[in-house]
Amino acid sequence: MAWVITHLCRDCLDLSCVEVCPVDCIYGYTGTDSETFPNQLYIDPDECINCGVCEPECPWEAIFEDEQVPDVFQEAIALNAKLTEHKDQFEVPPKVDKARPTPEQIAENKAKWSYGG
């Protein structure tokens, strides 16, 4: 079992989850194939120790246990796992301070992906 970062992270990239991960298994894509790997963070399922500390840190509510990923985000499970095949194009991003999203921004992001929470 591992944790999965879903579409709710796309173009948001808060990085709070990266800061708390004890095994540095959360990665950003550094390659050029943005169609395959959109601008979001990814969890390496082979490195994830299932501690769950990342989930409450994500202000966008984008992280789920793989068994709890909502139907609308099921493809995120395979997408996160796909990073293992392209590991040389991923790195643990450095922490960058960003303002936390407002509740309204979070609601808008969920609505964009047709997910009510």
Protein backbone atom coordinates (compact mmCIF):
# COMPACT_ATOMS: atom_id res chain seq x y z
CA MET A 1 0.00 0.00 0.00
CA ALA A 2 1.16 3.53 -0.76
CA TRP A 3 -0.17 7.05 -0.88
CA VAL A 4 -1.12 8.72 -4.17
CA ILE A 5 -1.06 12.34 -5.28
CA THR A 6 -4.05 13.10 -7.49
CA HIS A 7 -5.04 15.69 -10.08
CA LEU A 8 -5.92 18.11 -7.27
CA CYS A 9 -2.19 18.88 -7.07
CA ARG A 10 -1.91 19.92 -10.72
CA ASP A 11 -0.43 23.37 -11.08
CA CYS A 12 -0.77 23.85 -7.30
CA LEU A 13 2.43 22.22 -5.97
CA ASP A 14 2.33 23.39 -2.36
CA LEU A 15 5.39 21.28 -1.32
CA SER A 16 4.33 21.02 2.34
CA CYS A 17 4.09 17.26 1.83
CA VAL A 18 7.68 17.16 0.56
CA GLU A 19 8.94 18.87 3.69
CA VAL A 20 7.40 16.32 6.07
CA CYS A 21 8.11 13.11 4.12
CA PRO A 22 10.60 11.11 6.21
CA VAL A 23 11.88 9.06 3.24
CA ASP A 24 11.90 11.70 0.46
CA CYS A 25 9.57 9.71 -1.78
CA ILE A 26 7.68 12.72 -3.16
CA TYR A 27 9.01 13.95 -6.47
CA GLY A 28 8.56 16.63 -9.07
CA TYR A 29 8.99 15.92 -12.77
CA THR A 30 12.01 17.57 -14.41
CA GLY A 31 11.55 16.22 -17.93
CA THR A 32 9.80 17.76 -20.92
CA ASP A 33 6.90 15.35 -21.51
CA SER A 34 4.21 17.38 -19.74
CA GLU A 35 1.49 15.44 -21.55
CA THR A 36 2.52 12.22 -19.80
CA PHE A 37 3.62 13.85 -16.54
CA PRO A 38 1.55 16.99 -15.81
CA ASN A 39 2.79 19.71 -13.47
CA GLN A 40 2.13 18.08 -10.11
CA LEU A 41 3.95 16.09 -7.45
CA TYR A 42 4.21 12.30 -7.48
CA ILE A 43 4.76 9.65 -4.81
CA ASP A 44 7.07 6.75 -5.62
CA PRO A 45 5.06 3.71 -4.45
CA ASP A 46 8.24 1.64 -4.11
CA GLU A 47 9.72 4.12 -1.64
CA CYS A 48 6.57 5.14 0.25
CA ILE A 49 6.50 3.61 3.74
CA ASN A 50 2.78 4.32 4.19
CA CYS A 51 3.33 6.60 7.16
CA GLY A 52 0.64 9.03 5.98
CA VAL A 53 2.28 12.22 7.27
CA CYS A 54 1.99 13.82 3.83
CA GLU A 55 -1.80 13.65 3.62
CA PRO A 56 -2.76 16.18 6.33
CA GLU A 57 -0.06 18.60 5.14
CA CYS A 58 -1.55 18.99 1.66
CA PRO A 59 -3.71 22.12 1.69
CA TRP A 60 -5.24 21.06 -1.66
CA GLU A 61 -6.46 17.72 -0.20
CA ALA A 62 -4.82 15.96 -3.14
CA ILE A 63 -3.29 12.95 -1.35
CA PHE A 64 -5.10 9.66 -0.71
CA GLU A 65 -4.23 6.12 0.30
CA ASP A 66 -4.19 4.07 -2.90
CA GLU A 67 -7.19 2.05 -1.72
CA GLN A 68 -9.14 5.25 -0.96
CA VAL A 69 -8.54 7.21 -4.18
CA PRO A 70 -11.91 8.50 -5.42
CA ASP A 71 -13.14 7.03 -8.71
CA VAL A 72 -12.61 10.31 -10.56
CA PHE A 73 -8.87 10.09 -9.76
CA GLN A 74 -8.22 6.36 -10.25
CA GLU A 75 -5.76 6.98 -13.11
CA ALA A 76 -3.53 8.83 -10.62
CA ILE A 77 -2.51 5.51 -9.07
CA ALA A 78 -0.87 4.32 -12.29
CA LEU A 79 0.51 7.78 -13.03
CA ASN A 80 2.32 7.94 -9.69
CA ALA A 81 3.66 4.42 -10.23
CA LYS A 82 4.86 5.33 -13.73
CA LEU A 83 7.52 7.60 -12.25
CA THR A 84 9.49 4.48 -11.30
CA GLU A 85 10.08 3.82 -15.01
CA HIS A 86 11.41 7.35 -15.56
CA LYS A 87 13.14 7.99 -12.23
CA ASP A 88 16.05 9.84 -13.86
CA GLN A 89 13.56 12.58 -14.83
CA PHE A 90 12.32 13.18 -11.28
CA GLU A 91 13.80 14.84 -8.24
CA VAL A 92 12.72 15.78 -4.75
CA PRO A 93 11.91 19.48 -5.17
CA PRO A 94 13.44 22.05 -2.85
CA LYS A 95 11.03 23.69 -0.42
CA VAL A 96 9.65 27.01 -1.63
CA ASP A 97 7.47 29.10 0.65
CA LYS A 98 4.03 29.65 -0.82
CA ALA A 99 0.89 31.15 0.62
CA ARG A 100 -1.65 28.57 1.72
CA PRO A 101 -4.73 28.41 -0.51
CA THR A 102 -7.99 29.84 0.74
CA PRO A 103 -11.02 27.59 1.26
CA GLU A 104 -12.49 29.19 -1.87
CA GLN A 105 -9.43 28.28 -3.94
CA ILE A 106 -9.60 24.69 -2.68
CA ALA A 107 -13.31 24.48 -3.57
CA GLU A 108 -12.63 25.91 -7.05
CA ASN A 109 -9.86 23.38 -7.62
CA LYS A 110 -12.12 20.50 -6.61
CA ALA A 111 -14.89 21.79 -8.85
CA LYS A 112 -12.44 21.95 -11.77
CA TRP A 113 -11.86 18.22 -11.43
CA SER A 114 -15.57 17.44 -10.78
CA TYR A 115 -14.82 16.19 -7.31
CA GLY A 116 -16.85 17.25 -4.32
CA GLY A 117 -14.68 15.74 -1.59
